[in-house]
Amino acid sequence: MIVGERKTFEQIWNSVKNLKSVLVLGCGTCVAVCQAGGEKEVGLLASELRMKAQLEKNPIKIGEFTIERQCDKEFFESIKEKS
């Protein structure tokens, strides 16, 4: 059984606050089922990051995308098209 657990928002923010751009990348299978990183959670996290960046006047570019499976390299091709 695969179980995913999201880090706290503060942990995530502290990891990305000094970057110029961030891609919140979700997975449509395992972590989507345990509600830790599917499309819905990607949207919520990206929105939280945008709001925090705006409040702190921090011009981070926040992108968001969800692929079918992060455990299979072939699904990463769709990310290259978004770049």
PDB file of N, CA and C in Angstrom:
ATOM      1  N   MET A   1       0.841  -1.179   0.000  1.00  0.00           N
ATOM      2  CA  MET A   1       0.000   0.000   0.000  1.00  0.00           C
ATOM      3  C   MET A   1       0.889   1.246   0.000  1.00  0.00           C
ATOM      4  N   ILE A   2       0.552   2.181  -0.845  1.00  0.00           N
ATOM      5  CA  ILE A   2       1.276   3.442  -0.912  1.00  0.00           C
ATOM      6  C   ILE A   2       0.468   4.502  -0.179  1.00  0.00           C
ATOM      7  N   VAL A   3       1.127   5.237   0.692  1.00  0.00           N
ATOM      8  CA  VAL A   3       0.466   6.301   1.435  1.00  0.00           C
ATOM      9  C   VAL A   3       1.279   7.575   1.250  1.00  0.00           C
ATOM     10  N   GLY A   4       0.604   8.636   0.892  1.00  0.00           N
ATOM     11  CA  GLY A   4       1.262   9.930   0.741  1.00  0.00           C
ATOM     12  C   GLY A   4       0.792  10.865   1.832  1.00  0.00           C
ATOM     13  N   GLU A   5       1.697  11.696   2.301  1.00  0.00           N
ATOM     14  CA  GLU A   5       1.345  12.674   3.330  1.00  0.00           C
ATOM     15  C   GLU A   5       1.980  14.005   2.959  1.00  0.00           C
ATOM     16  N   ARG A   6       1.168  15.035   2.909  1.00  0.00           N
ATOM     17  CA  ARG A   6       1.662  16.351   2.525  1.00  0.00           C
ATOM     18  C   ARG A   6       2.412  16.997   3.675  1.00  0.00           C
ATOM     19  N   LYS A   7       3.449  17.713   3.329  1.00  0.00           N
ATOM     20  CA  LYS A   7       4.171  18.501   4.328  1.00  0.00           C
ATOM     21  C   LYS A   7       3.293  19.676   4.726  1.00  0.00           C
ATOM     22  N   THR A   8       3.625  20.323   5.822  1.00  0.00           N
ATOM     23  CA  THR A   8       2.866  21.502   6.229  1.00  0.00           C
ATOM     24  C   THR A   8       3.112  22.626   5.233  1.00  0.00           C
ATOM     25  N   PHE A   9       2.188  23.558   5.168  1.00  0.00           N
ATOM     26  CA  PHE A   9       2.361  24.679   4.248  1.00  0.00           C
ATOM     27  C   PHE A   9       3.634  25.452   4.575  1.00  0.00           C
ATOM     28  N   GLU A  10       3.913  25.641   5.845  1.00  0.00           N
ATOM     29  CA  GLU A  10       5.125  26.394   6.231  1.00  0.00           C
ATOM     30  C   GLU A  10       6.393  25.688   5.747  1.00  0.00           C
ATOM     31  N   GLN A  11       6.429  24.359   5.822  1.00  0.00           N
ATOM     32  CA  GLN A  11       7.591  23.621   5.317  1.00  0.00           C
ATOM     33  C   GLN A  11       7.741  23.835   3.810  1.00  0.00           C
ATOM     34  N   ILE A  12       6.630  23.767   3.110  1.00  0.00           N
ATOM     35  CA  ILE A  12       6.665  23.953   1.659  1.00  0.00           C
ATOM     36  C   ILE A  12       7.078  25.384   1.326  1.00  0.00           C
ATOM     37  N   TRP A  13       6.464  26.355   1.977  1.00  0.00           N
ATOM     38  CA  TRP A  13       6.777  27.762   1.711  1.00  0.00           C
ATOM     39  C   TRP A  13       8.256  28.046   1.971  1.00  0.00           C
ATOM     40  N   ASN A  14       8.777  27.554   3.083  1.00  0.00           N
ATOM     41  CA  ASN A  14      10.180  27.793   3.398  1.00  0.00           C
ATOM     42  C   ASN A  14      11.118  27.163   2.370  1.00  0.00           C
ATOM     43  N   SER A  15      10.668  26.121   1.703  1.00  0.00           N
ATOM     44  CA  SER A  15      11.472  25.470   0.670  1.00  0.00           C
ATOM     45  C   SER A  15      11.474  26.236  -0.647  1.00  0.00           C
ATOM     46  N   VAL A  16      10.421  26.998  -0.908  1.00  0.00           N
ATOM     47  CA  VAL A  16      10.290  27.635  -2.227  1.00  0.00           C
ATOM     48  C   VAL A  16      10.352  29.158  -2.218  1.00  0.00           C
ATOM     49  N   LYS A  17      10.303  29.784  -1.077  1.00  0.00           N
ATOM     50  CA  LYS A  17      10.157  31.245  -1.017  1.00  0.00           C
ATOM     51  C   LYS A  17      11.293  32.030  -1.664  1.00  0.00           C
ATOM     52  N   ASN A  18      12.448  31.426  -1.817  1.00  0.00           N
ATOM     53  CA  ASN A  18      13.578  32.137  -2.432  1.00  0.00           C
ATOM     54  C   ASN A  18      13.779  31.792  -3.905  1.00  0.00           C
ATOM     55  N   LEU A  19      12.842  31.054  -4.481  1.00  0.00           N
ATOM     56  CA  LEU A  19      12.941  30.662  -5.883  1.00  0.00           C
ATOM     57  C   LEU A  19      12.215  31.657  -6.781  1.00  0.00           C
ATOM     58  N   LYS A  20      12.559  31.666  -8.059  1.00  0.00           N
ATOM     59  CA  LYS A  20      11.884  32.548  -9.017  1.00  0.00           C
ATOM     60  C   LYS A  20      10.633  31.910  -9.595  1.00  0.00           C
ATOM     61  N   SER A  21      10.652  30.587  -9.740  1.00  0.00           N
ATOM     62  CA  SER A  21       9.469  29.893 -10.248  1.00  0.00           C
ATOM     63  C   SER A  21       9.382  28.498  -9.628  1.00  0.00           C
ATOM     64  N   VAL A  22       8.149  28.029  -9.510  1.00  0.00           N
ATOM     65  CA  VAL A  22       7.872  26.736  -8.889  1.00  0.00           C
ATOM     66  C   VAL A  22       6.792  26.042  -9.707  1.00  0.00           C
ATOM     67  N   LEU A  23       6.967  24.747  -9.922  1.00  0.00           N
ATOM     68  CA  LEU A  23       5.927  23.945 -10.546  1.00  0.00           C
ATOM     69  C   LEU A  23       5.388  22.992  -9.494  1.00  0.00           C
ATOM     70  N   VAL A  24       4.116  23.124  -9.171  1.00  0.00           N
ATOM     71  CA  VAL A  24       3.453  22.192  -8.265  1.00  0.00           C
ATOM     72  C   VAL A  24       2.957  21.057  -9.154  1.00  0.00           C
ATOM     73  N   LEU A  25       3.583  19.900  -9.015  1.00  0.00           N
ATOM     74  CA  LEU A  25       3.293  18.774  -9.886  1.00  0.00           C
ATOM     75  C   LEU A  25       2.581  17.676  -9.112  1.00  0.00           C
ATOM     76  N   GLY A  26       1.394  17.355  -9.557  1.00  0.00           N
ATOM     77  CA  GLY A  26       0.610  16.320  -8.897  1.00  0.00           C
ATOM     78  C   GLY A  26       0.640  15.014  -9.652  1.00  0.00           C
ATOM     79  N   CYS A  27       0.133  13.991  -8.991  1.00  0.00           N
ATOM     80  CA  CYS A  27       0.042  12.654  -9.569  1.00  0.00           C
ATOM     81  C   CYS A  27      -1.420  12.226  -9.520  1.00  0.00           C
ATOM     82  N   GLY A  28      -1.909  11.679 -10.610  1.00  0.00           N
ATOM     83  CA  GLY A  28      -3.319  11.324 -10.702  1.00  0.00           C
ATOM     84  C   GLY A  28      -3.689   9.970 -10.149  1.00  0.00           C
ATOM     85  N   THR A  29      -2.746   9.259  -9.534  1.00  0.00           N
ATOM     86  CA  THR A  29      -3.086   7.928  -9.044  1.00  0.00           C
ATOM     87  C   THR A  29      -2.947   7.837  -7.528  1.00  0.00           C
ATOM     88  N   CYS A  30      -1.888   7.249  -7.042  1.00  0.00           N
ATOM     89  CA  CYS A  30      -1.767   6.905  -5.617  1.00  0.00           C
ATOM     90  C   CYS A  30      -2.038   8.067  -4.657  1.00  0.00           C
ATOM     91  N   VAL A  31      -1.309   9.176  -4.822  1.00  0.00           N
ATOM     92  CA  VAL A  31      -1.489  10.282  -3.877  1.00  0.00           C
ATOM     93  C   VAL A  31      -2.800  11.027  -4.102  1.00  0.00           C
ATOM     94  N   ALA A  32      -3.407  10.838  -5.264  1.00  0.00           N
ATOM     95  CA  ALA A  32      -4.738  11.409  -5.485  1.00  0.00           C
ATOM     96  C   ALA A  32      -5.760  10.669  -4.632  1.00  0.00           C
ATOM     97  N   VAL A  33      -5.601   9.355  -4.545  1.00  0.00           N
ATOM     98  CA  VAL A  33      -6.526   8.532  -3.759  1.00  0.00           C
ATOM     99  C   VAL A  33      -6.431   8.872  -2.275  1.00  0.00           C
ATOM    100  N   CYS A  34      -5.214   9.084  -1.779  1.00  0.00           N
ATOM    101  CA  CYS A  34      -5.070   9.417  -0.351  1.00  0.00           C
ATOM    102  C   CYS A  34      -5.134  10.930  -0.114  1.00  0.00           C
ATOM    103  N   GLN A  35      -5.546  11.672  -1.120  1.00  0.00           N
ATOM    104  CA  GLN A  35      -5.776  13.114  -1.048  1.00  0.00           C
ATOM    105  C   GLN A  35      -4.573  13.894  -0.521  1.00  0.00           C
ATOM    106  N   ALA A  36      -3.402  13.538  -1.045  1.00  0.00           N
ATOM    107  CA  ALA A  36      -2.181  14.221  -0.637  1.00  0.00           C
ATOM    108  C   ALA A  36      -1.468  14.906  -1.792  1.00  0.00           C
ATOM    109  N   GLY A  37      -1.908  14.681  -3.035  1.00  0.00           N
ATOM    110  CA  GLY A  37      -1.179  15.292  -4.130  1.00  0.00           C
ATOM    111  C   GLY A  37      -1.785  15.087  -5.494  1.00  0.00           C
ATOM    112  N   GLY A  38      -3.078  14.930  -5.549  1.00  0.00           N
ATOM    113  CA  GLY A  38      -3.758  14.813  -6.835  1.00  0.00           C
ATOM    114  C   GLY A  38      -4.065  16.183  -7.412  1.00  0.00           C
ATOM    115  N   GLU A  39      -4.861  16.208  -8.453  1.00  0.00           N
ATOM    116  CA  GLU A  39      -5.170  17.460  -9.151  1.00  0.00           C
ATOM    117  C   GLU A  39      -5.817  18.497  -8.231  1.00  0.00           C
ATOM    118  N   LYS A  40      -6.737  18.074  -7.405  1.00  0.00           N
ATOM    119  CA  LYS A  40      -7.407  18.992  -6.473  1.00  0.00           C
ATOM    120  C   LYS A  40      -6.405  19.613  -5.498  1.00  0.00           C
ATOM    121  N   GLU A  41      -5.549  18.777  -4.938  1.00  0.00           N
ATOM    122  CA  GLU A  41      -4.565  19.259  -3.961  1.00  0.00           C
ATOM    123  C   GLU A  41      -3.527  20.158  -4.611  1.00  0.00           C
ATOM    124  N   VAL A  42      -3.180  19.879  -5.853  1.00  0.00           N
ATOM    125  CA  VAL A  42      -2.246  20.733  -6.606  1.00  0.00           C
ATOM    126  C   VAL A  42      -2.838  22.133  -6.748  1.00  0.00           C
ATOM    127  N   GLY A  43      -4.105  22.196  -7.137  1.00  0.00           N
ATOM    128  CA  GLY A  43      -4.766  23.491  -7.287  1.00  0.00           C
ATOM    129  C   GLY A  43      -4.819  24.276  -5.999  1.00  0.00           C
ATOM    130  N   LEU A  44      -5.141  23.581  -4.917  1.00  0.00           N
ATOM    131  CA  LEU A  44      -5.214  24.251  -3.610  1.00  0.00           C
ATOM    132  C   LEU A  44      -3.846  24.761  -3.166  1.00  0.00           C
ATOM    133  N   LEU A  45      -2.826  23.927  -3.288  1.00  0.00           N
ATOM    134  CA  LEU A  45      -1.480  24.337  -2.876  1.00  0.00           C
ATOM    135  C   LEU A  45      -0.969  25.487  -3.731  1.00  0.00           C
ATOM    136  N   ALA A  46      -1.180  25.410  -5.038  1.00  0.00           N
ATOM    137  CA  ALA A  46      -0.735  26.489  -5.923  1.00  0.00           C
ATOM    138  C   ALA A  46      -1.423  27.799  -5.549  1.00  0.00           C
ATOM    139  N   SER A  47      -2.709  27.738  -5.224  1.00  0.00           N
ATOM    140  CA  SER A  47      -3.441  28.948  -4.807  1.00  0.00           C
ATOM    141  C   SER A  47      -2.894  29.496  -3.498  1.00  0.00           C
ATOM    142  N   GLU A  48      -2.616  28.604  -2.552  1.00  0.00           N
ATOM    143  CA  GLU A  48      -2.037  29.040  -1.272  1.00  0.00           C
ATOM    144  C   GLU A  48      -0.695  29.722  -1.486  1.00  0.00           C
ATOM    145  N   LEU A  49       0.133  29.120  -2.333  1.00  0.00           N
ATOM    146  CA  LEU A  49       1.455  29.699  -2.600  1.00  0.00           C
ATOM    147  C   LEU A  49       1.337  31.060  -3.283  1.00  0.00           C
ATOM    148  N   ARG A  50       0.414  31.182  -4.230  1.00  0.00           N
ATOM    149  CA  ARG A  50       0.220  32.477  -4.907  1.00  0.00           C
ATOM    150  C   ARG A  50      -0.227  33.553  -3.912  1.00  0.00           C
ATOM    151  N   MET A  51      -1.156  33.198  -3.037  1.00  0.00           N
ATOM    152  CA  MET A  51      -1.638  34.170  -2.047  1.00  0.00           C
ATOM    153  C   MET A  51      -0.526  34.598  -1.103  1.00  0.00           C
ATOM    154  N   LYS A  52       0.247  33.636  -0.615  1.00  0.00           N
ATOM    155  CA  LYS A  52       1.354  33.938   0.301  1.00  0.00           C
ATOM    156  C   LYS A  52       2.400  34.811  -0.402  1.00  0.00           C
ATOM    157  N   ALA A  53       2.718  34.458  -1.638  1.00  0.00           N
ATOM    158  CA  ALA A  53       3.699  35.242  -2.397  1.00  0.00           C
ATOM    159  C   ALA A  53       3.206  36.666  -2.604  1.00  0.00           C
ATOM    160  N   GLN A  54       1.924  36.812  -2.907  1.00  0.00           N
ATOM    161  CA  GLN A  54       1.361  38.144  -3.124  1.00  0.00           C
ATOM    162  C   GLN A  54       1.360  38.951  -1.819  1.00  0.00           C
ATOM    163  N   LEU A  55       0.998  38.323  -0.717  1.00  0.00           N
ATOM    164  CA  LEU A  55       0.998  39.015   0.576  1.00  0.00           C
ATOM    165  C   LEU A  55       2.393  39.485   0.964  1.00  0.00           C
ATOM    166  N   GLU A  56       3.388  38.697   0.632  1.00  0.00           N
ATOM    167  CA  GLU A  56       4.769  39.046   0.976  1.00  0.00           C
ATOM    168  C   GLU A  56       5.478  39.808  -0.140  1.00  0.00           C
ATOM    169  N   LYS A  57       4.717  40.186  -1.178  1.00  0.00           N
ATOM    170  CA  LYS A  57       5.271  40.908  -2.316  1.00  0.00           C
ATOM    171  C   LYS A  57       6.496  40.181  -2.881  1.00  0.00           C
ATOM    172  N   ASN A  58       6.323  38.879  -3.021  1.00  0.00           N
ATOM    173  CA  ASN A  58       7.375  37.997  -3.505  1.00  0.00           C
ATOM    174  C   ASN A  58       6.970  37.514  -4.905  1.00  0.00           C
ATOM    175  N   PRO A  59       7.661  37.934  -5.957  1.00  0.00           N
ATOM    176  CA  PRO A  59       7.224  37.647  -7.326  1.00  0.00           C
ATOM    177  C   PRO A  59       7.579  36.237  -7.834  1.00  0.00           C
ATOM    178  N   ILE A  60       7.116  35.209  -7.132  1.00  0.00           N
ATOM    179  CA  ILE A  60       7.364  33.837  -7.586  1.00  0.00           C
ATOM    180  C   ILE A  60       6.326  33.473  -8.643  1.00  0.00           C
ATOM    181  N   LYS A  61       6.797  32.870  -9.722  1.00  0.00           N
ATOM    182  CA  LYS A  61       5.891  32.350 -10.746  1.00  0.00           C
ATOM    183  C   LYS A  61       5.497  30.936 -10.304  1.00  0.00           C
ATOM    184  N   ILE A  62       4.208  30.695 -10.121  1.00  0.00           N
ATOM    185  CA  ILE A  62       3.709  29.406  -9.655  1.00  0.00           C
ATOM    186  C   ILE A  62       2.954  28.719 -10.787  1.00  0.00           C
ATOM    187  N   GLY A  63       3.451  27.570 -11.205  1.00  0.00           N
ATOM    188  CA  GLY A  63       2.767  26.771 -12.211  1.00  0.00           C
ATOM    189  C   GLY A  63       2.143  25.550 -11.551  1.00  0.00           C
ATOM    190  N   GLU A  64       1.191  24.941 -12.223  1.00  0.00           N
ATOM    191  CA  GLU A  64       0.575  23.739 -11.671  1.00  0.00           C
ATOM    192  C   GLU A  64       0.200  22.788 -12.796  1.00  0.00           C
ATOM    193  N   PHE A  65       0.394  21.515 -12.516  1.00  0.00           N
ATOM    194  CA  PHE A  65       0.110  20.497 -13.520  1.00  0.00           C
ATOM    195  C   PHE A  65      -0.005  19.156 -12.806  1.00  0.00           C
ATOM    196  N   THR A  66      -0.813  18.274 -13.343  1.00  0.00           N
ATOM    197  CA  THR A  66      -0.944  16.926 -12.792  1.00  0.00           C
ATOM    198  C   THR A  66      -0.755  15.927 -13.928  1.00  0.00           C
ATOM    199  N   ILE A  67       0.097  14.947 -13.686  1.00  0.00           N
ATOM    200  CA  ILE A  67       0.299  13.885 -14.678  1.00  0.00           C
ATOM    201  C   ILE A  67      -0.386  12.616 -14.190  1.00  0.00           C
ATOM    202  N   GLU A  68      -0.557  11.682 -15.089  1.00  0.00           N
ATOM    203  CA  GLU A  68      -1.262  10.441 -14.745  1.00  0.00           C
ATOM    204  C   GLU A  68      -0.542   9.658 -13.650  1.00  0.00           C
ATOM    205  N   ARG A  69       0.755   9.444 -13.851  1.00  0.00           N
ATOM    206  CA  ARG A  69       1.544   8.697 -12.864  1.00  0.00           C
ATOM    207  C   ARG A  69       2.952   9.255 -12.783  1.00  0.00           C
ATOM    208  N   GLN A  70       3.397   9.604 -11.604  1.00  0.00           N
ATOM    209  CA  GLN A  70       4.766  10.089 -11.446  1.00  0.00           C
ATOM    210  C   GLN A  70       5.769   8.948 -11.364  1.00  0.00           C
ATOM    211  N   CYS A  71       5.297   7.744 -11.166  1.00  0.00           N
ATOM    212  CA  CYS A  71       6.210   6.605 -11.049  1.00  0.00           C
ATOM    213  C   CYS A  71       6.635   6.056 -12.420  1.00  0.00           C
ATOM    214  N   ASP A  72       6.029   6.539 -13.502  1.00  0.00           N
ATOM    215  CA  ASP A  72       6.397   6.109 -14.854  1.00  0.00           C
ATOM    216  C   ASP A  72       6.971   7.289 -15.627  1.00  0.00           C
ATOM    217  N   LYS A  73       8.219   7.157 -16.060  1.00  0.00           N
ATOM    218  CA  LYS A  73       8.911   8.245 -16.751  1.00  0.00           C
ATOM    219  C   LYS A  73       8.190   8.721 -18.006  1.00  0.00           C
ATOM    220  N   GLU A  74       7.483   7.824 -18.676  1.00  0.00           N
ATOM    221  CA  GLU A  74       6.823   8.205 -19.927  1.00  0.00           C
ATOM    222  C   GLU A  74       5.795   9.314 -19.746  1.00  0.00           C
ATOM    223  N   PHE A  75       5.228   9.439 -18.564  1.00  0.00           N
ATOM    224  CA  PHE A  75       4.220  10.471 -18.320  1.00  0.00           C
ATOM    225  C   PHE A  75       4.836  11.862 -18.149  1.00  0.00           C
ATOM    226  N   PHE A  76       6.139  11.934 -17.954  1.00  0.00           N
ATOM    227  CA  PHE A  76       6.809  13.224 -17.789  1.00  0.00           C
ATOM    228  C   PHE A  76       6.958  13.980 -19.110  1.00  0.00           C
ATOM    229  N   GLU A  77       6.778  13.288 -20.231  1.00  0.00           N
ATOM    230  CA  GLU A  77       6.860  13.947 -21.535  1.00  0.00           C
ATOM    231  C   GLU A  77       5.858  15.085 -21.646  1.00  0.00           C
ATOM    232  N   SER A  78       4.676  14.908 -21.049  1.00  0.00           N
ATOM    233  CA  SER A  78       3.641  15.951 -21.125  1.00  0.00           C
ATOM    234  C   SER A  78       4.051  17.233 -20.396  1.00  0.00           C
ATOM    235  N   ILE A  79       4.969  17.132 -19.462  1.00  0.00           N
ATOM    236  CA  ILE A  79       5.457  18.317 -18.741  1.00  0.00           C
ATOM    237  C   ILE A  79       6.348  19.147 -19.662  1.00  0.00           C
ATOM    238  N   LYS A  80       7.147  18.488 -20.466  1.00  0.00           N
ATOM    239  CA  LYS A  80       8.047  19.198 -21.367  1.00  0.00           C
ATOM    240  C   LYS A  80       7.287  20.090 -22.316  1.00  0.00           C
ATOM    241  N   GLU A  81       6.102  19.682 -22.714  1.00  0.00           N
ATOM    242  CA  GLU A  81       5.273  20.478 -23.615  1.00  0.00           C
ATOM    243  C   GLU A  81       4.769  21.749 -22.924  1.00  0.00           C
ATOM    244  N   LYS A  82       4.663  21.722 -21.614  1.00  0.00           N
ATOM    245  CA  LYS A  82       4.154  22.870 -20.860  1.00  0.00           C
ATOM    246  C   LYS A  82       5.229  23.903 -20.588  1.00  0.00           C
ATOM    247  N   SER A  83       6.500  23.524 -20.728  1.00  0.00           N
ATOM    248  CA  SER A  83       7.621  24.420 -20.406  1.00  0.00           C
ATOM    249  C   SER A  83       7.743  25.522 -21.430  1.00  0.00           C
TER     250      SER A  83
END
